[in-house]
Structure formats: C-alpha cells, structure tokens
Amino acid sequence: MVVAVVGLIVLGLLVAAGVVLDRRHSEYGEFFPGRFPEKLTYCDGRDYLRGGPAARTEVDLEGGMLVAVGRTPGGATVFRPEHLAVVAGETLCSTVIWVADPDDTHLVSYALSGGP
C-alpha cells in the first residue's frame, strides 16, 4: 500500500515537472532559459527571437537612447529604443529589442517574430 502511494506521488511530481518544463520551453524556446533565451515575450505578448551580439557602441539607434523595460529569466536587462511613436495613448512595439550582458558592453538583439 505504501509503495503504491509513493509511486503515485512520484508519478504526480514527474507529470508536474513535465508540464512546467513544457511551458518554459514554449515560452522561451529552451527548457532552462539563461540570460539570453532563444525567445522572449515582450510588448503585449509578442514573441521576439534572438539574433546576434553586437558591441554596445556599434548599435545604431538613429541617435536614440535605450530604455530598460524588463529582465530575462537569467537576470539580463531588456532594452527598447527610448523614442517610439505613441498612438491612442499606447506606445507602439519596437521591431527590435536588445538584452544587455552583465558587464553592459554587449547587446544581443531580438527581432519581432510574426505580426500583431
């Protein structure tokens, strides 16, 4: 009887762990997302896919500044351009966002995937 109860508890824990891992993979594109996951969700649930790294001084923002707007699961800071159009009181979503590494010298770009 005790073995059956323990077996059911272990089975329940495995199913719960599978559900959590599946949710994390569908949200970030990885089972264990780090500072720079494959996919980020930002701006009203839109998906952004990881691009390549660039030196912060090389990022061309057409004279604009970056504004911190959140963090990745691994603790890196998410940035968007400061100057975005505002329509009907809402800021439009940027097609590209950046994530800074801890030493803040490199940015990894993320591009909008799909449409609204």
Protein backbone atom coordinates (compact mmCIF):
# COMPACT_ATOMS: atom_id res chain seq x y z
CA MET A 1 0.00 0.00 0.00
CA VAL A 2 2.78 2.42 0.95
CA VAL A 3 4.69 1.61 -2.24
CA ALA A 4 1.62 2.39 -4.35
CA VAL A 5 1.10 5.76 -2.63
CA VAL A 6 4.78 6.67 -3.02
CA GLY A 7 4.64 5.58 -6.67
CA LEU A 8 1.60 7.81 -7.28
CA ILE A 9 3.31 10.75 -5.60
CA VAL A 10 6.44 10.27 -7.70
CA LEU A 11 4.33 9.94 -10.86
CA GLY A 12 2.45 13.14 -9.95
CA LEU A 13 5.72 15.01 -9.41
CA LEU A 14 7.08 13.81 -12.76
CA VAL A 15 3.92 14.92 -14.57
CA ALA A 16 4.03 18.33 -12.84
CA ALA A 17 7.71 18.74 -13.74
CA GLY A 18 6.93 17.83 -17.35
CA VAL A 19 4.16 20.43 -17.51
CA VAL A 20 6.44 23.13 -16.08
CA LEU A 21 9.28 22.26 -18.48
CA ASP A 22 6.90 22.21 -21.45
CA ARG A 23 5.55 25.64 -20.51
CA ARG A 24 9.07 27.06 -20.13
CA HIS A 25 10.12 25.62 -23.48
CA SER A 26 7.11 27.06 -25.28
CA GLU A 27 7.63 30.45 -23.61
CA TYR A 28 11.43 30.79 -24.01
CA GLY A 29 12.35 28.23 -26.69
CA GLU A 30 14.53 26.42 -24.12
CA PHE A 31 13.89 24.13 -21.16
CA PHE A 32 16.29 26.04 -18.91
CA PRO A 33 16.50 29.63 -20.19
CA GLY A 34 19.54 31.66 -19.26
CA ARG A 35 20.37 35.32 -19.68
CA PHE A 36 19.77 35.18 -23.44
CA PRO A 37 16.96 32.69 -24.20
CA GLU A 38 16.05 31.76 -27.78
CA LYS A 39 12.70 33.53 -27.49
CA LEU A 40 11.40 36.40 -25.35
CA THR A 41 7.83 37.57 -24.91
CA TYR A 42 7.51 41.34 -24.74
CA CYS A 43 5.05 44.09 -25.70
CA ASP A 44 1.57 42.66 -25.22
CA GLY A 45 2.66 39.04 -25.57
CA ARG A 46 4.51 39.32 -28.88
CA ASP A 47 7.39 36.90 -29.48
CA TYR A 48 10.93 38.09 -30.20
CA LEU A 49 13.62 35.72 -31.50
CA ARG A 50 17.31 36.01 -30.55
CA GLY A 51 19.73 37.48 -33.07
CA GLY A 52 23.45 38.07 -32.71
CA PRO A 53 25.53 40.02 -30.23
CA ALA A 54 26.99 43.45 -31.02
CA ALA A 55 29.23 45.84 -29.15
CA ARG A 56 27.09 48.45 -27.49
CA THR A 57 28.89 51.25 -29.31
CA GLU A 58 28.04 49.61 -32.66
CA VAL A 59 24.27 49.59 -32.11
CA ASP A 60 22.73 52.19 -34.38
CA LEU A 61 19.61 53.62 -32.83
CA GLU A 62 19.46 56.67 -35.07
CA GLY A 63 20.55 58.91 -32.23
CA GLY A 64 18.07 57.43 -29.77
CA MET A 65 18.77 56.16 -26.31
CA LEU A 66 17.91 52.79 -24.80
CA VAL A 67 15.37 52.44 -22.00
CA ALA A 68 15.32 49.44 -19.65
CA VAL A 69 11.94 47.70 -19.82
CA GLY A 70 12.44 44.38 -18.03
CA ARG A 71 14.61 41.38 -17.32
CA THR A 72 15.15 37.97 -18.87
CA PRO A 73 14.71 34.80 -16.77
CA GLY A 74 18.51 34.78 -16.29
CA GLY A 75 18.56 38.36 -14.99
CA ALA A 76 19.89 40.25 -18.02
CA THR A 77 18.31 43.65 -18.72
CA VAL A 78 15.91 44.09 -21.67
CA PHE A 79 16.06 47.44 -23.52
CA ARG A 80 13.99 49.16 -26.21
CA PRO A 81 14.56 52.46 -28.05
CA GLU A 82 13.51 55.48 -25.99
CA HIS A 83 11.69 57.25 -28.80
CA LEU A 84 8.80 55.18 -30.10
CA ALA A 85 5.62 56.50 -31.64
CA VAL A 86 2.63 56.83 -29.35
CA VAL A 87 -0.77 56.08 -30.88
CA ALA A 88 -4.00 56.49 -28.91
CA GLY A 89 -2.02 56.75 -25.67
CA GLU A 90 -0.14 53.49 -26.21
CA THR A 91 3.50 53.08 -27.20
CA LEU A 92 3.95 51.03 -30.38
CA CYS A 93 6.02 47.87 -30.15
CA SER A 94 9.60 48.04 -31.37
CA THR A 95 10.57 45.55 -34.07
CA VAL A 96 13.95 45.08 -32.38
CA ILE A 97 14.78 44.97 -28.66
CA TRP A 98 18.16 44.38 -27.03
CA VAL A 99 19.34 42.44 -24.00
CA ALA A 100 22.50 43.55 -22.18
CA ASP A 101 25.04 41.21 -20.70
CA PRO A 102 26.04 41.81 -17.05
CA ASP A 103 29.10 43.93 -17.89
CA ASP A 104 26.83 46.07 -20.14
CA THR A 105 29.32 46.22 -23.02
CA HIS A 106 27.48 43.95 -25.45
CA LEU A 107 23.88 43.77 -26.52
CA VAL A 108 22.09 40.80 -28.03
CA SER A 109 19.36 41.77 -30.46
CA TYR A 110 15.91 40.20 -30.56
CA ALA A 111 13.67 40.68 -33.60
CA LEU A 112 9.89 40.65 -33.60
CA SER A 113 8.55 37.33 -34.85
CA GLY A 114 5.23 37.48 -36.66
CA GLY A 115 2.69 40.29 -36.62
CA PRO A 116 0.17 41.71 -34.18
